[in-house]
Amino acid sequence: MTWNRLNPEEAYVIEHKSTEAPFSGEYDDFFKAGTYVCRRCNTPLYQSEAKFHSGCGWPSFDEEIPDAVSRSLDADGQRTEISCAACGAHLGHVFEGERLTPKNTRHCVNSLSIKFIPRSNGQ
């Protein structure tokens, strides 16, 4: 698998499981039609229809593309980390039970971990 070159800030989040500052990411308040892919390997992770405004300061999604995101217990033992299932890139964390959407799930994702691919006019 060929990976994209990451800048130091992206590498810190993706490879060292860091978190960007809230309300600083390019996709926090961004709502256009398309697909969000892994910044490291370009695997499609989320469709724009799953994105919602949660007010938390990071992009929020209530559903991933099937089999695209893996979950594991975070090092703190209290949160569930989410990663790209294809390359293991750190995406953020998933929270359940907040009742923010009917699916009752919030994938809290770092903008630095994803890239947006706009939907073409023909789709």
PDB file of N, CA and C in Angstrom:
ATOM      1  N   MET A   1       0.845  -1.178   0.000  1.00  0.00           N
ATOM      2  CA  MET A   1       0.000   0.000   0.000  1.00  0.00           C
ATOM      3  C   MET A   1       0.892   1.245   0.000  1.00  0.00           C
ATOM      4  N   THR A   2       0.600   2.164  -0.879  1.00  0.00           N
ATOM      5  CA  THR A   2       1.339   3.418  -0.950  1.00  0.00           C
ATOM      6  C   THR A   2       0.631   4.452  -0.096  1.00  0.00           C
ATOM      7  N   TRP A   3       1.391   5.130   0.743  1.00  0.00           N
ATOM      8  CA  TRP A   3       0.818   6.134   1.617  1.00  0.00           C
ATOM      9  C   TRP A   3       1.186   7.524   1.135  1.00  0.00           C
ATOM     10  N   ASN A   4       0.324   8.484   1.412  1.00  0.00           N
ATOM     11  CA  ASN A   4       0.583   9.884   1.089  1.00  0.00           C
ATOM     12  C   ASN A   4       1.618  10.452   2.049  1.00  0.00           C
ATOM     13  N   ARG A   5       2.387  11.408   1.569  1.00  0.00           N
ATOM     14  CA  ARG A   5       3.343  12.116   2.417  1.00  0.00           C
ATOM     15  C   ARG A   5       2.557  13.034   3.360  1.00  0.00           C
ATOM     16  N   LEU A   6       2.911  13.004   4.637  1.00  0.00           N
ATOM     17  CA  LEU A   6       2.238  13.820   5.638  1.00  0.00           C
ATOM     18  C   LEU A   6       3.139  14.948   6.092  1.00  0.00           C
ATOM     19  N   ASN A   7       2.554  16.109   6.372  1.00  0.00           N
ATOM     20  CA  ASN A   7       3.351  17.176   6.968  1.00  0.00           C
ATOM     21  C   ASN A   7       3.520  16.844   8.460  1.00  0.00           C
ATOM     22  N   PRO A   8       4.392  17.536   9.179  1.00  0.00           N
ATOM     23  CA  PRO A   8       4.650  17.183  10.587  1.00  0.00           C
ATOM     24  C   PRO A   8       3.401  17.215  11.479  1.00  0.00           C
ATOM     25  N   GLU A   9       2.512  18.177  11.257  1.00  0.00           N
ATOM     26  CA  GLU A   9       1.295  18.270  12.067  1.00  0.00           C
ATOM     27  C   GLU A   9       0.360  17.086  11.803  1.00  0.00           C
ATOM     28  N   GLU A  10       0.203  16.719  10.529  1.00  0.00           N
ATOM     29  CA  GLU A  10      -0.615  15.565  10.175  1.00  0.00           C
ATOM     30  C   GLU A  10      -0.021  14.283  10.747  1.00  0.00           C
ATOM     31  N   ALA A  11       1.282  14.123  10.630  1.00  0.00           N
ATOM     32  CA  ALA A  11       1.950  12.929  11.150  1.00  0.00           C
ATOM     33  C   ALA A  11       1.792  12.817  12.655  1.00  0.00           C
ATOM     34  N   TYR A  12       1.844  13.934  13.359  1.00  0.00           N
ATOM     35  CA  TYR A  12       1.711  13.910  14.810  1.00  0.00           C
ATOM     36  C   TYR A  12       0.337  13.374  15.213  1.00  0.00           C
ATOM     37  N   VAL A  13      -0.704  13.807  14.520  1.00  0.00           N
ATOM     38  CA  VAL A  13      -2.064  13.349  14.813  1.00  0.00           C
ATOM     39  C   VAL A  13      -2.253  11.899  14.353  1.00  0.00           C
ATOM     40  N   ILE A  14      -1.893  11.602  13.123  1.00  0.00           N
ATOM     41  CA  ILE A  14      -2.163  10.294  12.523  1.00  0.00           C
ATOM     42  C   ILE A  14      -1.272   9.188  13.079  1.00  0.00           C
ATOM     43  N   GLU A  15      -0.004   9.453  13.231  1.00  0.00           N
ATOM     44  CA  GLU A  15       0.943   8.405  13.637  1.00  0.00           C
ATOM     45  C   GLU A  15       1.181   8.353  15.141  1.00  0.00           C
ATOM     46  N   HIS A  16       0.997   9.487  15.837  1.00  0.00           N
ATOM     47  CA  HIS A  16       1.281   9.538  17.278  1.00  0.00           C
ATOM     48  C   HIS A  16       0.016   9.721  18.115  1.00  0.00           C
ATOM     49  N   LYS A  17      -1.142   9.583  17.455  1.00  0.00           N
ATOM     50  CA  LYS A  17      -2.445   9.613  18.119  1.00  0.00           C
ATOM     51  C   LYS A  17      -2.694  10.890  18.915  1.00  0.00           C
ATOM     52  N   SER A  18      -2.291  11.991  18.346  1.00  0.00           N
ATOM     53  CA  SER A  18      -2.529  13.287  18.968  1.00  0.00           C
ATOM     54  C   SER A  18      -3.919  13.794  18.557  1.00  0.00           C
ATOM     55  N   THR A  19      -4.278  14.961  19.040  1.00  0.00           N
ATOM     56  CA  THR A  19      -5.559  15.589  18.717  1.00  0.00           C
ATOM     57  C   THR A  19      -5.320  17.044  18.356  1.00  0.00           C
ATOM     58  N   GLU A  20      -5.916  17.488  17.250  1.00  0.00           N
ATOM     59  CA  GLU A  20      -5.815  18.896  16.892  1.00  0.00           C
ATOM     60  C   GLU A  20      -6.673  19.726  17.840  1.00  0.00           C
ATOM     61  N   ALA A  21      -6.387  20.991  17.933  1.00  0.00           N
ATOM     62  CA  ALA A  21      -7.147  21.885  18.809  1.00  0.00           C
ATOM     63  C   ALA A  21      -8.600  21.970  18.335  1.00  0.00           C
ATOM     64  N   PRO A  22      -9.560  22.037  19.257  1.00  0.00           N
ATOM     65  CA  PRO A  22     -10.959  22.154  18.850  1.00  0.00           C
ATOM     66  C   PRO A  22     -11.209  23.442  18.072  1.00  0.00           C
ATOM     67  N   PHE A  23     -12.127  23.353  17.129  1.00  0.00           N
ATOM     68  CA  PHE A  23     -12.555  24.471  16.278  1.00  0.00           C
ATOM     69  C   PHE A  23     -11.446  24.996  15.370  1.00  0.00           C
ATOM     70  N   SER A  24     -10.364  24.234  15.206  1.00  0.00           N
ATOM     71  CA  SER A  24      -9.244  24.669  14.372  1.00  0.00           C
ATOM     72  C   SER A  24      -9.194  23.950  13.018  1.00  0.00           C
ATOM     73  N   GLY A  25      -9.878  22.842  12.885  1.00  0.00           N
ATOM     74  CA  GLY A  25      -9.775  22.024  11.678  1.00  0.00           C
ATOM     75  C   GLY A  25     -10.614  22.542  10.524  1.00  0.00           C
ATOM     76  N   GLU A  26     -10.143  22.284   9.330  1.00  0.00           N
ATOM     77  CA  GLU A  26     -10.827  22.790   8.135  1.00  0.00           C
ATOM     78  C   GLU A  26     -12.198  22.164   7.909  1.00  0.00           C
ATOM     79  N   TYR A  27     -12.493  21.008   8.503  1.00  0.00           N
ATOM     80  CA  TYR A  27     -13.771  20.344   8.251  1.00  0.00           C
ATOM     81  C   TYR A  27     -14.751  20.436   9.415  1.00  0.00           C
ATOM     82  N   ASP A  28     -14.433  21.180  10.453  1.00  0.00           N
ATOM     83  CA  ASP A  28     -15.338  21.298  11.597  1.00  0.00           C
ATOM     84  C   ASP A  28     -16.688  21.874  11.176  1.00  0.00           C
ATOM     85  N   ASP A  29     -16.699  22.986  10.506  1.00  0.00           N
ATOM     86  CA  ASP A  29     -17.928  23.653  10.080  1.00  0.00           C
ATOM     87  C   ASP A  29     -18.011  23.632   8.559  1.00  0.00           C
ATOM     88  N   PHE A  30     -17.939  22.451   7.985  1.00  0.00           N
ATOM     89  CA  PHE A  30     -17.848  22.245   6.541  1.00  0.00           C
ATOM     90  C   PHE A  30     -18.912  21.229   6.149  1.00  0.00           C
ATOM     91  N   PHE A  31     -19.826  21.626   5.261  1.00  0.00           N
ATOM     92  CA  PHE A  31     -20.922  20.742   4.887  1.00  0.00           C
ATOM     93  C   PHE A  31     -21.168  20.801   3.385  1.00  0.00           C
ATOM     94  N   LYS A  32     -20.417  20.015   2.642  1.00  0.00           N
ATOM     95  CA  LYS A  32     -20.595  19.889   1.201  1.00  0.00           C
ATOM     96  C   LYS A  32     -20.772  18.416   0.871  1.00  0.00           C
ATOM     97  N   ALA A  33     -21.353  18.127  -0.280  1.00  0.00           N
ATOM     98  CA  ALA A  33     -21.602  16.743  -0.695  1.00  0.00           C
ATOM     99  C   ALA A  33     -20.324  16.088  -1.196  1.00  0.00           C
ATOM    100  N   GLY A  34     -20.029  14.920  -0.650  1.00  0.00           N
ATOM    101  CA  GLY A  34     -18.851  14.191  -1.080  1.00  0.00           C
ATOM    102  C   GLY A  34     -18.475  13.100  -0.096  1.00  0.00           C
ATOM    103  N   THR A  35     -17.222  12.705  -0.170  1.00  0.00           N
ATOM    104  CA  THR A  35     -16.696  11.608   0.638  1.00  0.00           C
ATOM    105  C   THR A  35     -15.459  12.072   1.379  1.00  0.00           C
ATOM    106  N   TYR A  36     -15.337  11.651   2.621  1.00  0.00           N
ATOM    107  CA  TYR A  36     -14.144  11.918   3.421  1.00  0.00           C
ATOM    108  C   TYR A  36     -13.291  10.661   3.404  1.00  0.00           C
ATOM    109  N   VAL A  37     -12.032  10.841   3.033  1.00  0.00           N
ATOM    110  CA  VAL A  37     -11.117   9.711   2.909  1.00  0.00           C
ATOM    111  C   VAL A  37      -9.961   9.858   3.898  1.00  0.00           C
ATOM    112  N   CYS A  38      -9.283   8.774   4.156  1.00  0.00           N
ATOM    113  CA  CYS A  38      -8.112   8.789   5.035  1.00  0.00           C
ATOM    114  C   CYS A  38      -7.020   9.632   4.397  1.00  0.00           C
ATOM    115  N   ARG A  39      -6.453  10.545   5.158  1.00  0.00           N
ATOM    116  CA  ARG A  39      -5.407  11.423   4.631  1.00  0.00           C
ATOM    117  C   ARG A  39      -4.142  10.633   4.296  1.00  0.00           C
ATOM    118  N   ARG A  40      -3.912   9.523   4.995  1.00  0.00           N
ATOM    119  CA  ARG A  40      -2.685   8.763   4.752  1.00  0.00           C
ATOM    120  C   ARG A  40      -2.814   7.801   3.573  1.00  0.00           C
ATOM    121  N   CYS A  41      -3.960   7.129   3.420  1.00  0.00           N
ATOM    122  CA  CYS A  41      -4.025   6.089   2.378  1.00  0.00           C
ATOM    123  C   CYS A  41      -5.161   6.256   1.376  1.00  0.00           C
ATOM    124  N   ASN A  42      -5.988   7.285   1.519  1.00  0.00           N
ATOM    125  CA  ASN A  42      -7.100   7.592   0.603  1.00  0.00           C
ATOM    126  C   ASN A  42      -8.269   6.610   0.656  1.00  0.00           C
ATOM    127  N   THR A  43      -8.345   5.778   1.671  1.00  0.00           N
ATOM    128  CA  THR A  43      -9.486   4.880   1.817  1.00  0.00           C
ATOM    129  C   THR A  43     -10.730   5.691   2.175  1.00  0.00           C
ATOM    130  N   PRO A  44     -11.842   5.503   1.471  1.00  0.00           N
ATOM    131  CA  PRO A  44     -13.085   6.201   1.833  1.00  0.00           C
ATOM    132  C   PRO A  44     -13.550   5.772   3.230  1.00  0.00           C
ATOM    133  N   LEU A  45     -13.861   6.772   4.069  1.00  0.00           N
ATOM    134  CA  LEU A  45     -14.240   6.511   5.462  1.00  0.00           C
ATOM    135  C   LEU A  45     -15.674   6.922   5.784  1.00  0.00           C
ATOM    136  N   TYR A  46     -16.076   8.108   5.321  1.00  0.00           N
ATOM    137  CA  TYR A  46     -17.388   8.669   5.666  1.00  0.00           C
ATOM    138  C   TYR A  46     -18.001   9.358   4.454  1.00  0.00           C
ATOM    139  N   GLN A  47     -19.312   9.236   4.316  1.00  0.00           N
ATOM    140  CA  GLN A  47     -20.052   9.998   3.321  1.00  0.00           C
ATOM    141  C   GLN A  47     -20.560  11.286   3.987  1.00  0.00           C
ATOM    142  N   SER A  48     -20.695  12.335   3.202  1.00  0.00           N
ATOM    143  CA  SER A  48     -21.119  13.629   3.752  1.00  0.00           C
ATOM    144  C   SER A  48     -22.497  13.562   4.403  1.00  0.00           C
ATOM    145  N   GLU A  49     -23.343  12.653   3.973  1.00  0.00           N
ATOM    146  CA  GLU A  49     -24.684  12.531   4.553  1.00  0.00           C
ATOM    147  C   GLU A  49     -24.639  12.108   6.026  1.00  0.00           C
ATOM    148  N   ALA A  50     -23.531  11.510   6.454  1.00  0.00           N
ATOM    149  CA  ALA A  50     -23.381  11.066   7.844  1.00  0.00           C
ATOM    150  C   ALA A  50     -22.807  12.165   8.741  1.00  0.00           C
ATOM    151  N   LYS A  51     -22.413  13.299   8.159  1.00  0.00           N
ATOM    152  CA  LYS A  51     -21.793  14.378   8.931  1.00  0.00           C
ATOM    153  C   LYS A  51     -22.883  15.251   9.546  1.00  0.00           C
ATOM    154  N   PHE A  52     -22.654  15.681  10.776  1.00  0.00           N
ATOM    155  CA  PHE A  52     -23.606  16.563  11.442  1.00  0.00           C
ATOM    156  C   PHE A  52     -22.869  17.554  12.330  1.00  0.00           C
ATOM    157  N   HIS A  53     -23.557  18.642  12.656  1.00  0.00           N
ATOM    158  CA  HIS A  53     -22.966  19.665  13.512  1.00  0.00           C
ATOM    159  C   HIS A  53     -23.212  19.277  14.965  1.00  0.00           C
ATOM    160  N   SER A  54     -22.149  18.943  15.682  1.00  0.00           N
ATOM    161  CA  SER A  54     -22.285  18.525  17.077  1.00  0.00           C
ATOM    162  C   SER A  54     -21.916  19.634  18.052  1.00  0.00           C
ATOM    163  N   GLY A  55     -21.183  20.655  17.571  1.00  0.00           N
ATOM    164  CA  GLY A  55     -20.738  21.730  18.440  1.00  0.00           C
ATOM    165  C   GLY A  55     -19.520  21.387  19.276  1.00  0.00           C
ATOM    166  N   CYS A  56     -18.906  20.227  19.034  1.00  0.00           N
ATOM    167  CA  CYS A  56     -17.779  19.782  19.855  1.00  0.00           C
ATOM    168  C   CYS A  56     -16.437  20.365  19.404  1.00  0.00           C
ATOM    169  N   GLY A  57     -16.380  20.920  18.178  1.00  0.00           N
ATOM    170  CA  GLY A  57     -15.136  21.506  17.697  1.00  0.00           C
ATOM    171  C   GLY A  57     -14.367  20.638  16.728  1.00  0.00           C
ATOM    172  N   TRP A  58     -14.872  19.436  16.442  1.00  0.00           N
ATOM    173  CA  TRP A  58     -14.255  18.541  15.472  1.00  0.00           C
ATOM    174  C   TRP A  58     -15.347  18.022  14.545  1.00  0.00           C
ATOM    175  N   PRO A  59     -14.985  17.604  13.340  1.00  0.00           N
ATOM    176  CA  PRO A  59     -15.976  16.999  12.451  1.00  0.00           C
ATOM    177  C   PRO A  59     -16.631  15.802  13.137  1.00  0.00           C
ATOM    178  N   SER A  60     -17.952  15.700  12.996  1.00  0.00           N
ATOM    179  CA  SER A  60     -18.704  14.616  13.624  1.00  0.00           C
ATOM    180  C   SER A  60     -19.517  13.865  12.580  1.00  0.00           C
ATOM    181  N   PHE A  61     -19.478  12.552  12.689  1.00  0.00           N
ATOM    182  CA  PHE A  61     -20.206  11.664  11.787  1.00  0.00           C
ATOM    183  C   PHE A  61     -20.952  10.641  12.633  1.00  0.00           C
ATOM    184  N   ASP A  62     -22.154  10.242  12.198  1.00  0.00           N
ATOM    185  CA  ASP A  62     -22.869   9.229  12.968  1.00  0.00           C
ATOM    186  C   ASP A  62     -22.859   7.852  12.318  1.00  0.00           C
ATOM    187  N   GLU A  63     -22.107   7.727  11.219  1.00  0.00           N
ATOM    188  CA  GLU A  63     -21.989   6.425  10.565  1.00  0.00           C
ATOM    189  C   GLU A  63     -20.772   6.420   9.659  1.00  0.00           C
ATOM    190  N   GLU A  64     -19.998   5.344   9.716  1.00  0.00           N
ATOM    191  CA  GLU A  64     -18.859   5.180   8.825  1.00  0.00           C
ATOM    192  C   GLU A  64     -19.259   4.339   7.626  1.00  0.00           C
ATOM    193  N   ILE A  65     -18.451   4.354   6.599  1.00  0.00           N
ATOM    194  CA  ILE A  65     -18.619   3.443   5.474  1.00  0.00           C
ATOM    195  C   ILE A  65     -18.324   2.038   6.010  1.00  0.00           C
ATOM    196  N   PRO A  66     -19.165   1.045   5.689  1.00  0.00           N
ATOM    197  CA  PRO A  66     -18.963  -0.296   6.257  1.00  0.00           C
ATOM    198  C   PRO A  66     -17.523  -0.812   6.093  1.00  0.00           C
ATOM    199  N   ASP A  67     -16.987  -1.320   7.197  1.00  0.00           N
ATOM    200  CA  ASP A  67     -15.659  -1.938   7.276  1.00  0.00           C
ATOM    201  C   ASP A  67     -14.497  -0.973   7.073  1.00  0.00           C
ATOM    202  N   ALA A  68     -14.739   0.347   7.081  1.00  0.00           N
ATOM    203  CA  ALA A  68     -13.672   1.314   6.824  1.00  0.00           C
ATOM    204  C   ALA A  68     -12.973   1.795   8.094  1.00  0.00           C
ATOM    205  N   VAL A  69     -13.655   1.700   9.226  1.00  0.00           N
ATOM    206  CA  VAL A  69     -13.138   2.244  10.481  1.00  0.00           C
ATOM    207  C   VAL A  69     -13.062   1.138  11.526  1.00  0.00           C
ATOM    208  N   SER A  70     -11.921   1.052  12.188  1.00  0.00           N
ATOM    209  CA  SER A  70     -11.786   0.073  13.267  1.00  0.00           C
ATOM    210  C   SER A  70     -11.848   0.783  14.613  1.00  0.00           C
ATOM    211  N   ARG A  71     -12.280   0.050  15.614  1.00  0.00           N
ATOM    212  CA  ARG A  71     -12.415   0.577  16.971  1.00  0.00           C
ATOM    213  C   ARG A  71     -11.524  -0.217  17.917  1.00  0.00           C
ATOM    214  N   SER A  72     -10.928   0.492  18.877  1.00  0.00           N
ATOM    215  CA  SER A  72     -10.125  -0.175  19.905  1.00  0.00           C
ATOM    216  C   SER A  72     -10.156   0.676  21.169  1.00  0.00           C
ATOM    217  N   LEU A  73      -9.889   0.048  22.286  1.00  0.00           N
ATOM    218  CA  LEU A  73      -9.844   0.767  23.549  1.00  0.00           C
ATOM    219  C   LEU A  73      -8.634   1.689  23.544  1.00  0.00           C
ATOM    220  N   ASP A  74      -8.842   2.954  23.888  1.00  0.00           N
ATOM    221  CA  ASP A  74      -7.771   3.941  23.928  1.00  0.00           C
ATOM    222  C   ASP A  74      -6.813   3.620  25.077  1.00  0.00           C
ATOM    223  N   ALA A  75      -5.640   4.203  25.043  1.00  0.00           N
ATOM    224  CA  ALA A  75      -4.625   3.972  26.075  1.00  0.00           C
ATOM    225  C   ALA A  75      -5.124   4.361  27.460  1.00  0.00           C
ATOM    226  N   ASP A  76      -6.073   5.313  27.541  1.00  0.00           N
ATOM    227  CA  ASP A  76      -6.596   5.718  28.844  1.00  0.00           C
ATOM    228  C   ASP A  76      -7.594   4.703  29.410  1.00  0.00           C
ATOM    229  N   GLY A  77      -7.983   3.725  28.588  1.00  0.00           N
ATOM    230  CA  GLY A  77      -8.901   2.688  29.024  1.00  0.00           C
ATOM    231  C   GLY A  77     -10.335   3.132  29.179  1.00  0.00           C
ATOM    232  N   GLN A  78     -10.635   4.375  28.812  1.00  0.00           N
ATOM    233  CA  GLN A  78     -11.984   4.905  29.010  1.00  0.00           C
ATOM    234  C   GLN A  78     -12.676   5.302  27.712  1.00  0.00           C
ATOM    235  N   ARG A  79     -11.915   5.574  26.683  1.00  0.00           N
ATOM    236  CA  ARG A  79     -12.505   6.004  25.418  1.00  0.00           C
ATOM    237  C   ARG A  79     -12.254   4.950  24.349  1.00  0.00           C
ATOM    238  N   THR A  80     -13.051   5.027  23.277  1.00  0.00           N
ATOM    239  CA  THR A  80     -12.875   4.132  22.144  1.00  0.00           C
ATOM    240  C   THR A  80     -12.228   4.906  21.010  1.00  0.00           C
ATOM    241  N   GLU A  81     -11.032   4.492  20.632  1.00  0.00           N
ATOM    242  CA  GLU A  81     -10.303   5.117  19.535  1.00  0.00           C
ATOM    243  C   GLU A  81     -10.825   4.574  18.215  1.00  0.00           C
ATOM    244  N   ILE A  82     -10.842   5.437  17.195  1.00  0.00           N
ATOM    245  CA  ILE A  82     -11.179   4.995  15.850  1.00  0.00           C
ATOM    246  C   ILE A  82      -9.980   5.223  14.941  1.00  0.00           C
ATOM    247  N   SER A  83      -9.759   4.259  14.050  1.00  0.00           N
ATOM    248  CA  SER A  83      -8.629   4.282  13.122  1.00  0.00           C
ATOM    249  C   SER A  83      -9.090   3.826  11.752  1.00  0.00           C
ATOM    250  N   CYS A  84      -8.344   4.208  10.733  1.00  0.00           N
ATOM    251  CA  CYS A  84      -8.585   3.705   9.384  1.00  0.00           C
ATOM    252  C   CYS A  84      -8.325   2.198   9.398  1.00  0.00           C
ATOM    253  N   ALA A  85      -9.291   1.409   8.972  1.00  0.00           N
ATOM    254  CA  ALA A  85      -9.140  -0.045   8.976  1.00  0.00           C
ATOM    255  C   ALA A  85      -8.084  -0.508   7.975  1.00  0.00           C
ATOM    256  N   ALA A  86      -7.826   0.291   6.948  1.00  0.00           N
ATOM    257  CA  ALA A  86      -6.862  -0.108   5.922  1.00  0.00           C
ATOM    258  C   ALA A  86      -5.414   0.132   6.336  1.00  0.00           C
ATOM    259  N   CYS A  87      -5.128   1.280   6.965  1.00  0.00           N
ATOM    260  CA  CYS A  87      -3.724   1.622   7.261  1.00  0.00           C
ATOM    261  C   CYS A  87      -3.438   1.889   8.728  1.00  0.00           C
ATOM    262  N   GLY A  88      -4.464   1.921   9.562  1.00  0.00           N
ATOM    263  CA  GLY A  88      -4.270   2.146  10.985  1.00  0.00           C
ATOM    264  C   GLY A  88      -4.117   3.597  11.394  1.00  0.00           C
ATOM    265  N   ALA A  89      -4.321   4.538  10.483  1.00  0.00           N
ATOM    266  CA  ALA A  89      -4.198   5.964  10.813  1.00  0.00           C
ATOM    267  C   ALA A  89      -5.189   6.346  11.915  1.00  0.00           C
ATOM    268  N   HIS A  90      -4.701   7.074  12.913  1.00  0.00           N
ATOM    269  CA  HIS A  90      -5.562   7.546  14.006  1.00  0.00           C
ATOM    270  C   HIS A  90      -6.530   8.593  13.462  1.00  0.00           C
ATOM    271  N   LEU A  91      -7.814   8.386  13.714  1.00  0.00           N
ATOM    272  CA  LEU A  91      -8.845   9.327  13.269  1.00  0.00           C
ATOM    273  C   LEU A  91      -9.369  10.181  14.409  1.00  0.00           C
ATOM    274  N   GLY A  92      -9.591   9.578  15.556  1.00  0.00           N
ATOM    275  CA  GLY A  92     -10.164  10.277  16.696  1.00  0.00           C
ATOM    276  C   GLY A  92     -10.789   9.283  17.651  1.00  0.00           C
ATOM    277  N   HIS A  93     -12.021   9.588  18.105  1.00  0.00           N
ATOM    278  CA  HIS A  93     -12.719   8.729  19.052  1.00  0.00           C
ATOM    279  C   HIS A  93     -14.192   8.642  18.676  1.00  0.00           C
ATOM    280  N   VAL A  94     -14.841   7.587  19.144  1.00  0.00           N
ATOM    281  CA  VAL A  94     -16.275   7.422  18.922  1.00  0.00           C
ATOM    282  C   VAL A  94     -16.966   7.419  20.282  1.00  0.00           C
ATOM    283  N   PHE A  95     -18.130   8.089  20.311  1.00  0.00           N
ATOM    284  CA  PHE A  95     -18.919   8.197  21.530  1.00  0.00           C
ATOM    285  C   PHE A  95     -20.343   7.754  21.219  1.00  0.00           C
ATOM    286  N   GLU A  96     -20.920   7.010  22.131  1.00  0.00           N
ATOM    287  CA  GLU A  96     -22.288   6.532  21.948  1.00  0.00           C
ATOM    288  C   GLU A  96     -23.133   6.946  23.137  1.00  0.00           C
ATOM    289  N   GLY A  97     -24.427   7.100  22.891  1.00  0.00           N
ATOM    290  CA  GLY A  97     -25.346   7.418  23.973  1.00  0.00           C
ATOM    291  C   GLY A  97     -25.549   8.902  24.225  1.00  0.00           C
ATOM    292  N   GLU A  98     -25.058   9.762  23.358  1.00  0.00           N
ATOM    293  CA  GLU A  98     -25.212  11.206  23.554  1.00  0.00           C
ATOM    294  C   GLU A  98     -26.541  11.739  23.019  1.00  0.00           C
ATOM    295  N   ARG A  99     -27.221  10.953  22.211  1.00  0.00           N
ATOM    296  CA  ARG A  99     -28.524  11.302  21.636  1.00  0.00           C
ATOM    297  C   ARG A  99     -28.473  12.554  20.761  1.00  0.00           C
ATOM    298  N   LEU A 100     -27.375  12.730  20.043  1.00  0.00           N
ATOM    299  CA  LEU A 100     -27.243  13.877  19.142  1.00  0.00           C
ATOM    300  C   LEU A 100     -27.881  13.620  17.779  1.00  0.00           C
ATOM    301  N   THR A 101     -27.988  12.331  17.412  1.00  0.00           N
ATOM    302  CA  THR A 101     -28.644  11.936  16.168  1.00  0.00           C
ATOM    303  C   THR A 101     -29.470  10.679  16.461  1.00  0.00           C
ATOM    304  N   PRO A 102     -30.369  10.309  15.565  1.00  0.00           N
ATOM    305  CA  PRO A 102     -31.134   9.071  15.778  1.00  0.00           C
ATOM    306  C   PRO A 102     -30.245   7.821  15.888  1.00  0.00           C
ATOM    307  N   LYS A 103     -29.059   7.859  15.295  1.00  0.00           N
ATOM    308  CA  LYS A 103     -28.147   6.702  15.371  1.00  0.00           C
ATOM    309  C   LYS A 103     -27.400   6.660  16.692  1.00  0.00           C
ATOM    310  N   ASN A 104     -27.458   7.753  17.467  1.00  0.00           N
ATOM    311  CA  ASN A 104     -26.910   7.811  18.821  1.00  0.00           C
ATOM    312  C   ASN A 104     -25.404   7.532  18.877  1.00  0.00           C
ATOM    313  N   THR A 105     -24.708   7.908  17.812  1.00  0.00           N
ATOM    314  CA  THR A 105     -23.261   7.686  17.697  1.00  0.00           C
ATOM    315  C   THR A 105     -22.606   8.955  17.179  1.00  0.00           C
ATOM    316  N   ARG A 106     -21.441   9.280  17.740  1.00  0.00           N
ATOM    317  CA  ARG A 106     -20.673  10.434  17.240  1.00  0.00           C
ATOM    318  C   ARG A 106     -19.222  10.023  17.041  1.00  0.00           C
ATOM    319  N   HIS A 107     -18.807   9.955  15.779  1.00  0.00           N
ATOM    320  CA  HIS A 107     -17.396   9.785  15.448  1.00  0.00           C
ATOM    321  C   HIS A 107     -16.798  11.182  15.478  1.00  0.00           C
ATOM    322  N   CYS A 108     -15.935  11.441  16.424  1.00  0.00           N
ATOM    323  CA  CYS A 108     -15.277  12.739  16.600  1.00  0.00           C
ATOM    324  C   CYS A 108     -13.910  12.617  15.922  1.00  0.00           C
ATOM    325  N   VAL A 109     -13.770  13.242  14.745  1.00  0.00           N
ATOM    326  CA  VAL A 109     -12.637  12.990  13.860  1.00  0.00           C
ATOM    327  C   VAL A 109     -11.774  14.242  13.701  1.00  0.00           C
ATOM    328  N   ASN A 110     -10.473  14.068  13.738  1.00  0.00           N
ATOM    329  CA  ASN A 110      -9.544  15.165  13.465  1.00  0.00           C
ATOM    330  C   ASN A 110      -9.582  15.512  11.980  1.00  0.00           C
ATOM    331  N   SER A 111      -9.727  16.799  11.655  1.00  0.00           N
ATOM    332  CA  SER A 111      -9.660  17.221  10.248  1.00  0.00           C
ATOM    333  C   SER A 111      -8.336  16.820   9.618  1.00  0.00           C
ATOM    334  N   LEU A 112      -7.266  16.827  10.407  1.00  0.00           N
ATOM    335  CA  LEU A 112      -5.945  16.474   9.876  1.00  0.00           C
ATOM    336  C   LEU A 112      -5.845  15.007   9.482  1.00  0.00           C
ATOM    337  N   SER A 113      -6.790  14.177   9.913  1.00  0.00           N
ATOM    338  CA  SER A 113      -6.768  12.751   9.596  1.00  0.00           C
ATOM    339  C   SER A 113      -7.521  12.409   8.322  1.00  0.00           C
ATOM    340  N   ILE A 114      -8.280  13.367   7.798  1.00  0.00           N
ATOM    341  CA  ILE A 114      -9.131  13.093   6.638  1.00  0.00           C
ATOM    342  C   ILE A 114      -8.937  14.130   5.541  1.00  0.00           C
ATOM    343  N   LYS A 115      -9.384  13.777   4.336  1.00  0.00           N
ATOM    344  CA  LYS A 115      -9.442  14.692   3.202  1.00  0.00           C
ATOM    345  C   LYS A 115     -10.839  14.580   2.615  1.00  0.00           C
ATOM    346  N   PHE A 116     -11.335  15.689   2.088  1.00  0.00           N
ATOM    347  CA  PHE A 116     -12.667  15.720   1.471  1.00  0.00           C
ATOM    348  C   PHE A 116     -12.537  15.611  -0.035  1.00  0.00           C
ATOM    349  N   ILE A 117     -13.312  14.712  -0.610  1.00  0.00           N
ATOM    350  CA  ILE A 117     -13.391  14.561  -2.070  1.00  0.00           C
ATOM    351  C   ILE A 117     -14.802  14.963  -2.481  1.00  0.00           C
ATOM    352  N   PRO A 118     -14.964  16.098  -3.189  1.00  0.00           N
ATOM    353  CA  PRO A 118     -16.311  16.540  -3.560  1.00  0.00           C
ATOM    354  C   PRO A 118     -16.985  15.576  -4.523  1.00  0.00           C
ATOM    355  N   ARG A 119     -18.286  15.505  -4.395  1.00  0.00           N
ATOM    356  CA  ARG A 119     -19.084  14.679  -5.294  1.00  0.00           C
ATOM    357  C   ARG A 119     -19.166  15.396  -6.638  1.00  0.00           C
ATOM    358  N   SER A 120     -19.019  14.674  -7.697  1.00  0.00           N
ATOM    359  CA  SER A 120     -19.095  15.287  -9.028  1.00  0.00           C
ATOM    360  C   SER A 120     -20.550  15.663  -9.321  1.00  0.00           C
ATOM    361  N   ASN A 121     -20.747  16.575 -10.231  1.00  0.00           N
ATOM    362  CA  ASN A 121     -22.093  17.050 -10.574  1.00  0.00           C
ATOM    363  C   ASN A 121     -22.981  15.939 -11.103  1.00  0.00           C
ATOM    364  N   GLY A 122     -22.392  14.901 -11.690  1.00  0.00           N
ATOM    365  CA  GLY A 122     -23.155  13.791 -12.253  1.00  0.00           C
ATOM    366  C   GLY A 122     -23.655  12.801 -11.221  1.00  0.00           C
ATOM    367  N   GLN A 123     -23.283  12.944  -9.955  1.00  0.00           N
ATOM    368  CA  GLN A 123     -23.684  11.960  -8.936  1.00  0.00           C
ATOM    369  C   GLN A 123     -24.821  12.455  -8.093  1.00  0.00           C
TER     370      GLN A 123
END
